[in-house]
Amino acid sequence: MSSGEESKGPGFTIVDRRGQEAEAAEQQPEGPAQRAPLPPVDFPGFLLSLATSALFHLGLVADPKTGKTAPADLPVARQTIDTLELLERKTRGNLTAEEAELLTKLLTELRLRFVEVSQAS
């Protein structure tokens, strides 16, 4: 482009933002919005997460944010228990003894709790 020609089009500007990430992190307030790092996902943790979800939907575990239990939602609780049963069938023979025992105990406990909550309703 010669010195007499005008540039056509929007053009662009380069802005060096290096180092600004650290400044932004320093400006964020600490408090409940910041979380501790989550543990790595493993099979027992996954099973316990599903079991806790089922207990929540049975109205037996409080919401961690509000501290209050929700009313029982039996269809959702049943679906979560069914998911654990599916995992039991599909993973049979592929689990460690500890994983298999955990899954069996969780299912037994959740089935009992489901019956208790169903009869109380």
N, C-alpha and C. Protein backbone atom coordinates (compact mmCIF):
# COMPACT_ATOMS: atom_id res chain seq x y z
N MET A 1 0.86 -1.15 0.00
CA MET A 1 0.00 0.00 0.00
C MET A 1 0.91 1.22 0.00
N SER A 2 0.63 2.15 -0.87
CA SER A 2 1.45 3.37 -0.93
C SER A 2 0.99 4.35 0.12
N SER A 3 1.79 5.37 0.39
CA SER A 3 1.47 6.32 1.45
C SER A 3 0.22 7.12 1.16
N GLY A 4 -0.23 7.23 -0.08
CA GLY A 4 -1.40 8.01 -0.44
C GLY A 4 -2.69 7.20 -0.37
N GLU A 5 -2.62 5.90 -0.27
CA GLU A 5 -3.83 5.08 -0.27
C GLU A 5 -4.40 4.96 1.14
N GLU A 6 -5.73 4.92 1.22
CA GLU A 6 -6.39 4.72 2.51
C GLU A 6 -6.63 3.24 2.72
N SER A 7 -6.56 2.82 3.94
CA SER A 7 -6.84 1.43 4.29
C SER A 7 -8.34 1.22 4.27
N LYS A 8 -8.79 0.15 3.64
CA LYS A 8 -10.21 -0.17 3.60
C LYS A 8 -10.45 -1.36 4.51
N GLY A 9 -11.58 -1.40 5.19
CA GLY A 9 -11.93 -2.50 6.09
C GLY A 9 -11.80 -2.06 7.53
N PRO A 10 -12.22 -2.94 8.43
CA PRO A 10 -12.27 -2.56 9.84
C PRO A 10 -10.91 -2.46 10.50
N GLY A 11 -9.92 -3.19 10.06
CA GLY A 11 -8.63 -3.19 10.73
C GLY A 11 -8.71 -3.91 12.06
N PHE A 12 -7.62 -3.88 12.80
CA PHE A 12 -7.61 -4.51 14.11
C PHE A 12 -6.53 -3.87 14.96
N THR A 13 -6.68 -4.06 16.26
CA THR A 13 -5.73 -3.54 17.22
C THR A 13 -5.25 -4.68 18.07
N ILE A 14 -3.97 -4.72 18.32
CA ILE A 14 -3.40 -5.76 19.18
C ILE A 14 -3.19 -5.15 20.56
N VAL A 15 -3.72 -5.84 21.57
CA VAL A 15 -3.57 -5.38 22.94
C VAL A 15 -2.86 -6.48 23.72
N ASP A 16 -1.77 -6.13 24.36
CA ASP A 16 -1.00 -7.09 25.16
C ASP A 16 -1.66 -7.22 26.53
N ARG A 17 -2.24 -8.38 26.79
CA ARG A 17 -2.94 -8.61 28.06
C ARG A 17 -2.15 -9.53 28.99
N ARG A 18 -0.92 -9.81 28.65
CA ARG A 18 -0.12 -10.67 29.52
C ARG A 18 0.00 -10.06 30.90
N GLY A 19 -0.15 -10.90 31.91
CA GLY A 19 -0.05 -10.45 33.29
C GLY A 19 -1.36 -9.99 33.88
N GLN A 20 -2.37 -9.74 33.07
CA GLN A 20 -3.64 -9.27 33.58
C GLN A 20 -4.45 -10.39 34.24
N GLU A 21 -4.19 -11.64 33.87
CA GLU A 21 -4.91 -12.75 34.49
C GLU A 21 -4.60 -12.81 35.98
N ALA A 22 -3.34 -12.61 36.34
CA ALA A 22 -2.94 -12.64 37.75
C ALA A 22 -3.59 -11.49 38.51
N GLU A 23 -3.66 -10.32 37.90
CA GLU A 23 -4.30 -9.18 38.54
C GLU A 23 -5.78 -9.44 38.75
N ALA A 24 -6.45 -10.02 37.78
CA ALA A 24 -7.88 -10.32 37.91
C ALA A 24 -8.12 -11.33 39.01
N ALA A 25 -7.24 -12.32 39.13
CA ALA A 25 -7.39 -13.33 40.18
C ALA A 25 -7.21 -12.71 41.55
N GLU A 26 -6.30 -11.75 41.67
CA GLU A 26 -6.07 -11.10 42.95
C GLU A 26 -7.25 -10.24 43.36
N GLN A 27 -8.01 -9.72 42.40
CA GLN A 27 -9.12 -8.83 42.70
C GLN A 27 -10.38 -9.58 43.08
N GLN A 28 -10.47 -10.88 42.78
CA GLN A 28 -11.67 -11.63 43.12
C GLN A 28 -11.71 -11.87 44.62
N PRO A 29 -12.86 -11.58 45.24
CA PRO A 29 -12.96 -11.79 46.68
C PRO A 29 -13.01 -13.27 47.02
N GLU A 30 -12.46 -13.61 48.17
CA GLU A 30 -12.53 -14.98 48.63
C GLU A 30 -13.84 -15.16 49.36
N GLY A 31 -14.37 -16.36 49.36
CA GLY A 31 -15.62 -16.61 50.05
C GLY A 31 -16.27 -17.87 49.54
N PRO A 32 -17.58 -17.98 49.78
CA PRO A 32 -18.27 -19.22 49.40
C PRO A 32 -18.28 -19.48 47.90
N ALA A 33 -18.04 -18.44 47.09
CA ALA A 33 -18.06 -18.66 45.65
C ALA A 33 -16.85 -19.47 45.20
N GLN A 34 -15.77 -19.44 45.98
CA GLN A 34 -14.60 -20.22 45.62
C GLN A 34 -14.75 -21.62 46.19
N ARG A 35 -14.39 -22.61 45.41
CA ARG A 35 -14.53 -24.00 45.83
C ARG A 35 -13.16 -24.64 45.94
N ALA A 36 -13.12 -25.64 46.78
CA ALA A 36 -11.94 -26.48 46.83
C ALA A 36 -11.93 -27.34 45.58
N PRO A 37 -10.78 -27.78 45.14
CA PRO A 37 -10.75 -28.63 43.95
C PRO A 37 -11.53 -29.92 44.19
N LEU A 38 -12.21 -30.36 43.18
CA LEU A 38 -12.99 -31.60 43.27
C LEU A 38 -12.06 -32.80 43.21
N PRO A 39 -12.43 -33.86 43.92
CA PRO A 39 -11.58 -35.06 43.87
C PRO A 39 -11.69 -35.71 42.50
N PRO A 40 -10.72 -36.51 42.13
CA PRO A 40 -10.81 -37.20 40.84
C PRO A 40 -11.99 -38.17 40.85
N VAL A 41 -12.54 -38.39 39.68
CA VAL A 41 -13.70 -39.28 39.55
C VAL A 41 -13.20 -40.73 39.59
N ASP A 42 -13.81 -41.52 40.45
CA ASP A 42 -13.55 -42.95 40.47
C ASP A 42 -14.89 -43.67 40.61
N PHE A 43 -14.89 -44.97 40.43
CA PHE A 43 -16.15 -45.71 40.41
C PHE A 43 -16.87 -45.65 41.76
N PRO A 44 -16.20 -45.87 42.89
CA PRO A 44 -16.92 -45.75 44.17
C PRO A 44 -17.50 -44.35 44.39
N GLY A 45 -16.78 -43.32 44.02
CA GLY A 45 -17.29 -41.96 44.14
C GLY A 45 -18.52 -41.73 43.27
N PHE A 46 -18.49 -42.30 42.08
CA PHE A 46 -19.64 -42.21 41.17
C PHE A 46 -20.85 -42.90 41.78
N LEU A 47 -20.65 -44.09 42.34
CA LEU A 47 -21.75 -44.83 42.97
C LEU A 47 -22.32 -44.05 44.15
N LEU A 48 -21.44 -43.49 44.97
CA LEU A 48 -21.89 -42.72 46.13
C LEU A 48 -22.64 -41.46 45.71
N SER A 49 -22.22 -40.87 44.60
CA SER A 49 -22.91 -39.69 44.09
C SER A 49 -24.34 -40.05 43.67
N LEU A 50 -24.49 -41.16 42.97
CA LEU A 50 -25.83 -41.60 42.57
C LEU A 50 -26.68 -41.95 43.78
N ALA A 51 -26.08 -42.62 44.76
CA ALA A 51 -26.82 -43.00 45.97
C ALA A 51 -27.27 -41.76 46.73
N THR A 52 -26.41 -40.76 46.83
CA THR A 52 -26.78 -39.52 47.51
C THR A 52 -27.92 -38.83 46.78
N SER A 53 -27.87 -38.86 45.46
CA SER A 53 -28.95 -38.28 44.66
C SER A 53 -30.27 -38.99 44.94
N ALA A 54 -30.23 -40.31 45.01
CA ALA A 54 -31.44 -41.08 45.30
C ALA A 54 -31.97 -40.72 46.69
N LEU A 55 -31.09 -40.62 47.68
CA LEU A 55 -31.51 -40.25 49.03
C LEU A 55 -32.11 -38.84 49.06
N PHE A 56 -31.53 -37.93 48.30
CA PHE A 56 -32.08 -36.58 48.21
C PHE A 56 -33.50 -36.62 47.66
N HIS A 57 -33.69 -37.40 46.59
CA HIS A 57 -35.02 -37.47 45.97
C HIS A 57 -36.01 -38.26 46.81
N LEU A 58 -35.51 -39.03 47.75
CA LEU A 58 -36.40 -39.69 48.71
C LEU A 58 -36.75 -38.75 49.86
N GLY A 59 -36.15 -37.56 49.88
CA GLY A 59 -36.41 -36.59 50.94
C GLY A 59 -35.65 -36.90 52.21
N LEU A 60 -34.57 -37.67 52.12
CA LEU A 60 -33.82 -38.09 53.30
C LEU A 60 -32.51 -37.36 53.49
N VAL A 61 -32.10 -36.56 52.52
CA VAL A 61 -30.85 -35.81 52.59
C VAL A 61 -31.17 -34.35 52.29
N ALA A 62 -30.60 -33.46 53.09
CA ALA A 62 -30.85 -32.03 52.91
C ALA A 62 -30.05 -31.48 51.74
N ASP A 63 -30.61 -30.47 51.12
CA ASP A 63 -29.90 -29.72 50.07
C ASP A 63 -28.72 -29.02 50.73
N PRO A 64 -27.50 -29.20 50.20
CA PRO A 64 -26.34 -28.59 50.85
C PRO A 64 -26.37 -27.06 50.86
N LYS A 65 -27.04 -26.45 49.92
CA LYS A 65 -27.08 -24.98 49.87
C LYS A 65 -28.09 -24.41 50.86
N THR A 66 -29.26 -25.05 50.97
CA THR A 66 -30.31 -24.51 51.83
C THR A 66 -30.38 -25.18 53.18
N GLY A 67 -29.87 -26.40 53.29
CA GLY A 67 -29.96 -27.14 54.53
C GLY A 67 -31.32 -27.76 54.76
N LYS A 68 -32.21 -27.66 53.77
CA LYS A 68 -33.57 -28.19 53.91
C LYS A 68 -33.76 -29.41 53.01
N THR A 69 -34.58 -30.33 53.47
CA THR A 69 -34.90 -31.48 52.63
C THR A 69 -36.07 -31.13 51.73
N ALA A 70 -36.01 -31.65 50.54
CA ALA A 70 -37.09 -31.44 49.58
C ALA A 70 -38.13 -32.54 49.79
N PRO A 71 -39.35 -32.32 49.33
CA PRO A 71 -40.33 -33.40 49.40
C PRO A 71 -39.89 -34.57 48.53
N ALA A 72 -40.28 -35.75 48.91
CA ALA A 72 -39.89 -36.95 48.16
C ALA A 72 -40.41 -36.88 46.73
N ASP A 73 -39.56 -37.25 45.80
CA ASP A 73 -39.93 -37.38 44.38
C ASP A 73 -39.64 -38.82 44.00
N LEU A 74 -40.61 -39.69 44.28
CA LEU A 74 -40.40 -41.13 44.14
C LEU A 74 -40.03 -41.58 42.73
N PRO A 75 -40.65 -41.03 41.67
CA PRO A 75 -40.24 -41.47 40.33
C PRO A 75 -38.77 -41.18 40.02
N VAL A 76 -38.27 -40.04 40.45
CA VAL A 76 -36.87 -39.70 40.20
C VAL A 76 -35.96 -40.58 41.06
N ALA A 77 -36.35 -40.81 42.30
CA ALA A 77 -35.57 -41.70 43.17
C ALA A 77 -35.53 -43.10 42.58
N ARG A 78 -36.66 -43.58 42.10
CA ARG A 78 -36.72 -44.93 41.50
C ARG A 78 -35.82 -45.01 40.28
N GLN A 79 -35.82 -43.96 39.46
CA GLN A 79 -34.97 -43.97 38.26
C GLN A 79 -33.49 -44.02 38.64
N THR A 80 -33.11 -43.32 39.68
CA THR A 80 -31.72 -43.34 40.12
C THR A 80 -31.34 -44.71 40.64
N ILE A 81 -32.23 -45.33 41.39
CA ILE A 81 -31.98 -46.69 41.88
C ILE A 81 -31.90 -47.65 40.70
N ASP A 82 -32.78 -47.48 39.72
CA ASP A 82 -32.73 -48.31 38.51
C ASP A 82 -31.40 -48.14 37.77
N THR A 83 -30.85 -46.93 37.79
CA THR A 83 -29.56 -46.68 37.15
C THR A 83 -28.46 -47.48 37.85
N LEU A 84 -28.50 -47.50 39.19
CA LEU A 84 -27.53 -48.29 39.93
C LEU A 84 -27.71 -49.79 39.65
N GLU A 85 -28.95 -50.24 39.51
CA GLU A 85 -29.20 -51.64 39.16
C GLU A 85 -28.65 -51.97 37.78
N LEU A 86 -28.81 -51.05 36.85
CA LEU A 86 -28.26 -51.23 35.50
C LEU A 86 -26.74 -51.36 35.57
N LEU A 87 -26.12 -50.48 36.34
CA LEU A 87 -24.66 -50.56 36.49
C LEU A 87 -24.24 -51.89 37.11
N GLU A 88 -25.03 -52.38 38.05
CA GLU A 88 -24.71 -53.66 38.67
C GLU A 88 -24.73 -54.79 37.63
N ARG A 89 -25.75 -54.78 36.79
CA ARG A 89 -25.86 -55.82 35.75
C ARG A 89 -24.75 -55.70 34.71
N LYS A 90 -24.50 -54.49 34.26
CA LYS A 90 -23.55 -54.29 33.16
C LYS A 90 -22.09 -54.42 33.58
N THR A 91 -21.82 -54.27 34.87
CA THR A 91 -20.43 -54.35 35.33
C THR A 91 -20.12 -55.66 36.04
N ARG A 92 -21.12 -56.54 36.12
CA ARG A 92 -20.92 -57.81 36.83
C ARG A 92 -19.69 -58.54 36.28
N GLY A 93 -18.80 -58.94 37.18
CA GLY A 93 -17.58 -59.64 36.79
C GLY A 93 -16.42 -58.72 36.44
N ASN A 94 -16.67 -57.42 36.41
CA ASN A 94 -15.62 -56.46 36.06
C ASN A 94 -15.25 -55.53 37.20
N LEU A 95 -15.82 -55.76 38.37
CA LEU A 95 -15.55 -54.89 39.51
C LEU A 95 -14.62 -55.58 40.50
N THR A 96 -13.92 -54.76 41.27
CA THR A 96 -13.15 -55.33 42.37
C THR A 96 -14.15 -55.82 43.43
N ALA A 97 -13.67 -56.62 44.35
CA ALA A 97 -14.55 -57.13 45.41
C ALA A 97 -15.13 -55.97 46.22
N GLU A 98 -14.33 -54.95 46.49
CA GLU A 98 -14.79 -53.79 47.26
C GLU A 98 -15.86 -53.01 46.50
N GLU A 99 -15.65 -52.81 45.21
CA GLU A 99 -16.64 -52.08 44.40
C GLU A 99 -17.95 -52.85 44.33
N ALA A 100 -17.88 -54.15 44.12
CA ALA A 100 -19.09 -54.98 44.04
C ALA A 100 -19.83 -54.95 45.37
N GLU A 101 -19.09 -55.04 46.48
CA GLU A 101 -19.73 -55.01 47.80
C GLU A 101 -20.39 -53.66 48.06
N LEU A 102 -19.72 -52.58 47.70
CA LEU A 102 -20.29 -51.25 47.87
C LEU A 102 -21.58 -51.12 47.08
N LEU A 103 -21.57 -51.54 45.85
CA LEU A 103 -22.76 -51.44 45.00
C LEU A 103 -23.91 -52.26 45.57
N THR A 104 -23.63 -53.46 46.02
CA THR A 104 -24.66 -54.32 46.60
C THR A 104 -25.25 -53.69 47.85
N LYS A 105 -24.39 -53.18 48.73
CA LYS A 105 -24.87 -52.56 49.97
C LYS A 105 -25.68 -51.29 49.70
N LEU A 106 -25.22 -50.48 48.74
CA LEU A 106 -25.97 -49.27 48.39
C LEU A 106 -27.35 -49.61 47.87
N LEU A 107 -27.42 -50.59 46.98
CA LEU A 107 -28.72 -50.98 46.43
C LEU A 107 -29.65 -51.51 47.51
N THR A 108 -29.13 -52.33 48.40
CA THR A 108 -29.95 -52.87 49.49
C THR A 108 -30.52 -51.74 50.34
N GLU A 109 -29.65 -50.82 50.73
CA GLU A 109 -30.07 -49.70 51.57
C GLU A 109 -31.08 -48.80 50.85
N LEU A 110 -30.82 -48.49 49.59
CA LEU A 110 -31.72 -47.62 48.84
C LEU A 110 -33.08 -48.27 48.60
N ARG A 111 -33.09 -49.56 48.33
CA ARG A 111 -34.37 -50.26 48.14
C ARG A 111 -35.20 -50.23 49.43
N LEU A 112 -34.55 -50.47 50.57
CA LEU A 112 -35.26 -50.42 51.85
C LEU A 112 -35.81 -49.03 52.12
N ARG A 113 -34.99 -48.03 51.90
CA ARG A 113 -35.44 -46.65 52.12
C ARG A 113 -36.57 -46.27 51.18
N PHE A 114 -36.50 -46.73 49.93
CA PHE A 114 -37.56 -46.44 48.97
C PHE A 114 -38.88 -47.01 49.45
N VAL A 115 -38.87 -48.25 49.93
CA VAL A 115 -40.09 -48.90 50.42
C VAL A 115 -40.63 -48.13 51.62
N GLU A 116 -39.75 -47.75 52.56
CA GLU A 116 -40.18 -47.01 53.74
C GLU A 116 -40.84 -45.69 53.36
N VAL A 117 -40.21 -44.93 52.47
CA VAL A 117 -40.77 -43.64 52.07
C VAL A 117 -42.06 -43.84 51.28
N SER A 118 -42.11 -44.86 50.44
CA SER A 118 -43.34 -45.13 49.65
C SER A 118 -44.50 -45.45 50.56
N GLN A 119 -44.26 -46.24 51.58
CA GLN A 119 -45.35 -46.62 52.50
C GLN A 119 -45.78 -45.47 53.39
N ALA A 120 -44.87 -44.57 53.69
CA ALA A 120 -45.19 -43.41 54.52
C ALA A 120 -45.99 -42.36 53.77
N SER A 121 -45.92 -42.40 52.46
CA SER A 121 -46.62 -41.39 51.64
C SER A 121 -48.10 -41.66 51.53
